[in-house]
Amino acid sequence: MLTPMERYYFDVYNTEHTQMDGDGQLLPNPDRAGIEALRILYDVARDEMPGGEHIKITVKVLNASREQIFEASLTLSSAWS
């Protein structure tokens, strides 16, 4: 028997802009949505860190009803001594 998939949305907020997820992704459960949020957070941090000294990134996970169910944030700082 197949596990029913649910749609989750991943809205990304950072120091400079916000990206609202209009499509979402089908995933088997909320735990997998949380893992995907952490992957997105890592990818955004990797792409944006070389250009900034202080960056805060937040990924909010919303369920199919657009209710927030999970949030992951990361603050990155870098400076020369």
C-alpha atoms as a PDB file:
ATOM      1  CA  MET A   1       0.000   0.000   0.000  1.00  0.00           C
ATOM      2  CA  LEU A   2       1.330   3.428  -0.934  1.00  0.00           C
ATOM      3  CA  THR A   3       1.769   6.124   1.691  1.00  0.00           C
ATOM      4  CA  PRO A   4      -0.308   9.195   0.802  1.00  0.00           C
ATOM      5  CA  MET A   5       1.822  12.211  -0.017  1.00  0.00           C
ATOM      6  CA  GLU A   6       1.098  15.632   1.430  1.00  0.00           C
ATOM      7  CA  ARG A   7       2.003  19.026  -0.031  1.00  0.00           C
ATOM      8  CA  TYR A   8       4.400  21.222   1.951  1.00  0.00           C
ATOM      9  CA  TYR A   9       5.516  24.762   1.144  1.00  0.00           C
ATOM     10  CA  PHE A  10       8.943  26.205   1.949  1.00  0.00           C
ATOM     11  CA  ASP A  11       9.079  29.977   2.341  1.00  0.00           C
ATOM     12  CA  VAL A  12      12.599  31.411   2.548  1.00  0.00           C
ATOM     13  CA  TYR A  13      13.432  34.656   4.345  1.00  0.00           C
ATOM     14  CA  ASN A  14      16.879  36.200   4.399  1.00  0.00           C
ATOM     15  CA  THR A  15      18.566  39.512   5.069  1.00  0.00           C
ATOM     16  CA  GLU A  16      17.772  40.914   1.628  1.00  0.00           C
ATOM     17  CA  HIS A  17      14.562  39.301   0.367  1.00  0.00           C
ATOM     18  CA  THR A  18      11.730  36.838   0.849  1.00  0.00           C
ATOM     19  CA  GLN A  19      10.861  33.971  -1.473  1.00  0.00           C
ATOM     20  CA  MET A  20       7.379  32.536  -1.057  1.00  0.00           C
ATOM     21  CA  ASP A  21       6.909  28.980  -2.328  1.00  0.00           C
ATOM     22  CA  GLY A  22       3.936  28.920  -4.682  1.00  0.00           C
ATOM     23  CA  ASP A  23       4.284  25.305  -5.797  1.00  0.00           C
ATOM     24  CA  GLY A  24       5.242  23.259  -2.752  1.00  0.00           C
ATOM     25  CA  GLN A  25       6.529  19.705  -2.742  1.00  0.00           C
ATOM     26  CA  LEU A  26       4.841  16.374  -2.183  1.00  0.00           C
ATOM     27  CA  LEU A  27       6.415  14.541   0.753  1.00  0.00           C
ATOM     28  CA  PRO A  28       5.310  11.534   2.819  1.00  0.00           C
ATOM     29  CA  ASN A  29       5.255  13.202   6.271  1.00  0.00           C
ATOM     30  CA  PRO A  30       6.157  16.285   8.335  1.00  0.00           C
ATOM     31  CA  ASP A  31       9.519  14.818   9.360  1.00  0.00           C
ATOM     32  CA  ARG A  32      10.618  14.675   5.725  1.00  0.00           C
ATOM     33  CA  ALA A  33       9.432  18.276   5.293  1.00  0.00           C
ATOM     34  CA  GLY A  34      11.665  19.288   8.215  1.00  0.00           C
ATOM     35  CA  ILE A  35      14.636  17.522   6.641  1.00  0.00           C
ATOM     36  CA  GLU A  36      13.940  19.308   3.345  1.00  0.00           C
ATOM     37  CA  ALA A  37      13.798  22.668   5.169  1.00  0.00           C
ATOM     38  CA  LEU A  38      17.258  22.023   6.634  1.00  0.00           C
ATOM     39  CA  ARG A  39      18.598  21.094   3.177  1.00  0.00           C
ATOM     40  CA  ILE A  40      17.195  24.318   1.727  1.00  0.00           C
ATOM     41  CA  LEU A  41      18.718  26.289   4.608  1.00  0.00           C
ATOM     42  CA  TYR A  42      22.121  24.737   3.934  1.00  0.00           C
ATOM     43  CA  ASP A  43      21.912  25.438   0.188  1.00  0.00           C
ATOM     44  CA  VAL A  44      20.914  29.076   0.656  1.00  0.00           C
ATOM     45  CA  ALA A  45      23.650  29.624   3.264  1.00  0.00           C
ATOM     46  CA  ARG A  46      26.296  28.087   0.994  1.00  0.00           C
ATOM     47  CA  ASP A  47      25.235  30.272  -1.934  1.00  0.00           C
ATOM     48  CA  GLU A  48      24.944  33.547  -0.020  1.00  0.00           C
ATOM     49  CA  MET A  49      27.688  33.461   2.609  1.00  0.00           C
ATOM     50  CA  PRO A  50      30.641  34.407   0.372  1.00  0.00           C
ATOM     51  CA  GLY A  51      28.997  37.749  -0.408  1.00  0.00           C
ATOM     52  CA  GLY A  52      27.971  38.846   3.064  1.00  0.00           C
ATOM     53  CA  GLU A  53      29.373  39.512   6.501  1.00  0.00           C
ATOM     54  CA  HIS A  54      26.147  38.988   8.425  1.00  0.00           C
ATOM     55  CA  ILE A  55      23.257  36.949   7.076  1.00  0.00           C
ATOM     56  CA  LYS A  56      20.153  35.538   8.748  1.00  0.00           C
ATOM     57  CA  ILE A  57      18.219  32.906   6.825  1.00  0.00           C
ATOM     58  CA  THR A  58      14.919  31.360   7.864  1.00  0.00           C
ATOM     59  CA  VAL A  59      12.944  28.588   6.188  1.00  0.00           C
ATOM     60  CA  LYS A  60       9.321  28.212   7.234  1.00  0.00           C
ATOM     61  CA  VAL A  61       7.428  25.033   6.375  1.00  0.00           C
ATOM     62  CA  LEU A  62       3.708  25.302   5.775  1.00  0.00           C
ATOM     63  CA  ASN A  63       1.257  22.455   5.339  1.00  0.00           C
ATOM     64  CA  ALA A  64      -1.351  22.176   2.565  1.00  0.00           C
ATOM     65  CA  SER A  65      -3.632  24.544   4.520  1.00  0.00           C
ATOM     66  CA  ARG A  66      -0.783  27.094   4.570  1.00  0.00           C
ATOM     67  CA  GLU A  67      -0.363  26.772   8.336  1.00  0.00           C
ATOM     68  CA  GLN A  68       3.221  26.983   9.582  1.00  0.00           C
ATOM     69  CA  ILE A  69       4.344  23.678  11.093  1.00  0.00           C
ATOM     70  CA  PHE A  70       8.147  24.040  11.263  1.00  0.00           C
ATOM     71  CA  GLU A  71      10.825  26.715  11.186  1.00  0.00           C
ATOM     72  CA  ALA A  72      14.604  26.533  10.852  1.00  0.00           C
ATOM     73  CA  SER A  73      16.920  29.558  11.077  1.00  0.00           C
ATOM     74  CA  LEU A  74      20.610  30.181  10.713  1.00  0.00           C
ATOM     75  CA  THR A  75      22.625  33.313  11.454  1.00  0.00           C
ATOM     76  CA  LEU A  76      26.042  33.562   9.808  1.00  0.00           C
ATOM     77  CA  SER A  77      28.675  36.147  10.657  1.00  0.00           C
ATOM     78  CA  SER A  78      32.145  36.618   9.234  1.00  0.00           C
ATOM     79  CA  ALA A  79      34.787  39.289   9.773  1.00  0.00           C
ATOM     80  CA  TRP A  80      38.483  39.834   9.268  1.00  0.00           C
ATOM     81  CA  SER A  81      40.551  40.288  12.427  1.00  0.00           C
END
